[in-house]
Structure formats: C-alpha cells, structure tokens
Amino acid sequence: KKKAEVRVIAYDLNLPDILTRLEALGPRLKIIIDDSSAEGGGHKAEDSPESKAAARLRKTAGKDNVVRQHMGSLQHHKSIAISGKGLNKIVYGSTNFTWRGFYVQSNNAVVVESKNCLLYTSD
C-alpha cells in the first residue's frame, strides 16, 4: 500500500533487504533505533550498522522521523506497525533485523491484524 504509514522499533538493524525497504517508504516511515553501548551492542558508535542505517534513513524519511534512543537495558521487543487503508498489521517479537536474527537464531515474531489500527504520533 503506497500510502500506508510504518512505525518501527529496532535494536540490531543491519539486514540490507530490510534497510532498503525502509528507505523506500520515505517520509511514511517513523523509526526508533536503539543507540545502546551495552554488552556487545556498540550501537552508539558512528561506524555501527545502526548509526549507518540511521544516517541513510534520515535522508529518505527525514531527520525528524528517525530517532536514536537508549531503551534501558537490552531492548528485546522489536516491532513494525503498518497502518493504511485496508492494511493494519503489527509484527512484533524478539527477532532482530539482521541476517542472524532472521536465519540463525531461535527468535519469535507475532503478526496481529486489525480492521482499524491507531498509530501514536507526537503531533
């Protein structure tokens, strides 16, 4: 759906297929990307995949739509919410947006579908 709005909360974000699809959404995307420097995270470093992804997404989604935020300890809940005419779904779970997260680790994801979906905004 070309008018659907997408909201994402990401911890690890380095799977090229995911990143290029998020870039294609342009300003319809709002995303929070973890900037933790916790054990093995290193997301805050300028050369981390998460920092590089944030820089790329700021170019396509706009700087106000890309937020770097520390989530407390390790941020374990990841989600993608899609809201548009006839398409209201949320995918959430423990799966990181990485090759290992999708193809190696034992993660989970749940898809919730609704006739109506309210995405919270700061507007």
Protein backbone atom coordinates (compact mmCIF):
# COMPACT_ATOMS: atom_id res chain seq x y z
CA LYS A 1 0.00 0.00 0.00
CA LYS A 2 1.69 3.18 -1.17
CA LYS A 3 0.01 5.40 1.43
CA ALA A 4 0.45 3.19 4.47
CA GLU A 5 2.36 4.63 7.42
CA VAL A 6 5.01 2.46 9.03
CA ARG A 7 6.40 2.66 12.57
CA VAL A 8 9.45 0.63 13.57
CA ILE A 9 11.31 -0.06 16.82
CA ALA A 10 14.68 -1.68 16.09
CA TYR A 11 17.57 -2.95 18.17
CA ASP A 12 20.02 -4.58 15.74
CA LEU A 13 19.49 -3.23 12.23
CA ASN A 14 21.89 -4.38 9.54
CA LEU A 15 19.98 -6.65 7.13
CA PRO A 16 20.30 -4.92 3.73
CA ASP A 17 16.89 -6.13 2.48
CA ILE A 18 15.15 -4.56 5.47
CA LEU A 19 17.08 -1.29 5.26
CA THR A 20 16.43 -0.73 1.55
CA ARG A 21 12.72 -1.43 2.02
CA LEU A 22 12.58 1.04 4.90
CA GLU A 23 14.35 3.65 2.74
CA ALA A 24 11.75 3.16 0.01
CA LEU A 25 9.00 4.27 2.41
CA GLY A 26 10.34 7.82 2.51
CA PRO A 27 8.55 10.12 4.96
CA ARG A 28 5.85 7.49 5.66
CA LEU A 29 8.41 5.85 7.99
CA LYS A 30 8.96 6.75 11.63
CA ILE A 31 11.62 4.69 13.36
CA ILE A 32 13.35 4.40 16.72
CA ILE A 33 16.77 2.74 16.50
CA ASP A 34 18.49 1.71 19.70
CA ASP A 35 21.72 3.56 20.48
CA SER A 36 22.86 1.35 23.34
CA SER A 37 26.51 0.81 24.05
CA ALA A 38 25.69 -2.20 26.27
CA GLU A 39 27.46 -5.56 26.12
CA GLY A 40 28.19 -6.44 22.53
CA GLY A 41 25.78 -3.70 21.37
CA GLY A 42 28.01 -0.85 20.37
CA HIS A 43 25.07 0.75 18.56
CA LYS A 44 26.14 4.27 19.54
CA ALA A 45 29.46 4.24 17.66
CA GLU A 46 29.48 6.30 14.45
CA ASP A 47 30.57 3.28 12.41
CA SER A 48 27.99 0.86 13.86
CA PRO A 49 25.43 -0.61 11.45
CA GLU A 50 22.68 1.12 13.45
CA SER A 51 24.33 4.56 13.13
CA LYS A 52 24.88 4.00 9.40
CA ALA A 53 21.26 2.88 8.99
CA ALA A 54 20.02 5.94 10.87
CA ALA A 55 22.06 8.24 8.62
CA ARG A 56 20.65 6.60 5.48
CA LEU A 57 17.09 6.70 6.77
CA ARG A 58 17.34 10.38 7.76
CA LYS A 59 17.97 11.11 4.06
CA THR A 60 14.82 9.32 2.92
CA ALA A 61 12.42 9.57 5.88
CA GLY A 62 13.57 12.94 7.19
CA LYS A 63 15.61 13.70 10.28
CA ASP A 64 12.54 14.17 12.50
CA ASN A 65 11.30 10.66 11.64
CA VAL A 66 14.47 8.84 12.74
CA VAL A 67 15.16 8.74 16.47
CA ARG A 68 18.14 7.20 18.25
CA GLN A 69 17.20 6.21 21.77
CA HIS A 70 18.57 4.04 24.56
CA MET A 71 15.89 1.61 25.69
CA GLY A 72 17.09 0.84 29.22
CA SER A 73 18.89 -2.48 29.43
CA LEU A 74 18.88 -4.63 26.30
CA GLN A 75 15.87 -3.69 24.18
CA HIS A 76 14.33 -7.05 23.39
CA HIS A 77 10.99 -6.07 21.84
CA LYS A 78 11.17 -5.18 18.15
CA SER A 79 8.18 -4.16 16.08
CA ILE A 80 6.91 -2.98 12.71
CA ALA A 81 3.43 -1.42 12.63
CA ILE A 82 1.71 -0.73 9.31
CA SER A 83 -1.41 1.38 9.07
CA GLY A 84 -3.19 2.13 5.84
CA LYS A 85 -6.47 1.73 4.05
CA GLY A 86 -7.28 -1.98 4.28
CA LEU A 87 -3.89 -2.85 5.80
CA ASN A 88 -3.44 -2.67 9.56
CA LYS A 89 -0.84 -5.07 10.93
CA ILE A 90 1.77 -5.14 13.63
CA VAL A 91 4.67 -7.60 13.59
CA TYR A 92 6.46 -7.82 16.91
CA GLY A 93 8.70 -10.16 18.84
CA SER A 94 12.33 -10.89 19.60
CA THR A 95 13.64 -11.07 16.03
CA ASN A 96 16.42 -8.60 15.27
CA PHE A 97 16.57 -7.06 11.79
CA THR A 98 19.82 -8.90 10.99
CA TRP A 99 20.83 -11.94 8.97
CA ARG A 100 21.45 -13.92 12.19
CA GLY A 101 18.13 -12.74 13.63
CA PHE A 102 16.18 -13.91 10.60
CA TYR A 103 18.05 -17.07 9.63
CA VAL A 104 20.12 -18.43 12.54
CA GLN A 105 18.81 -17.54 16.00
CA SER A 106 15.71 -19.01 17.63
CA ASN A 107 13.59 -15.87 17.69
CA ASN A 108 9.88 -15.31 17.53
CA ALA A 109 7.54 -12.91 15.80
CA VAL A 110 3.80 -12.48 16.05
CA VAL A 111 1.59 -10.81 13.46
CA VAL A 112 -1.51 -9.01 14.73
CA GLU A 113 -4.07 -7.86 12.21
CA SER A 114 -6.99 -5.50 12.77
CA LYS A 115 -9.64 -3.70 10.77
CA ASN A 116 -8.50 -0.50 12.45
CA CYS A 117 -5.09 0.47 13.72
CA LEU A 118 -4.13 3.64 15.56
CA LEU A 119 -0.52 4.68 15.30
CA TYR A 120 0.54 7.05 18.02
CA THR A 121 2.22 10.23 16.89
CA SER A 122 3.67 13.19 18.71
CA ASP A 123 1.57 15.60 16.60
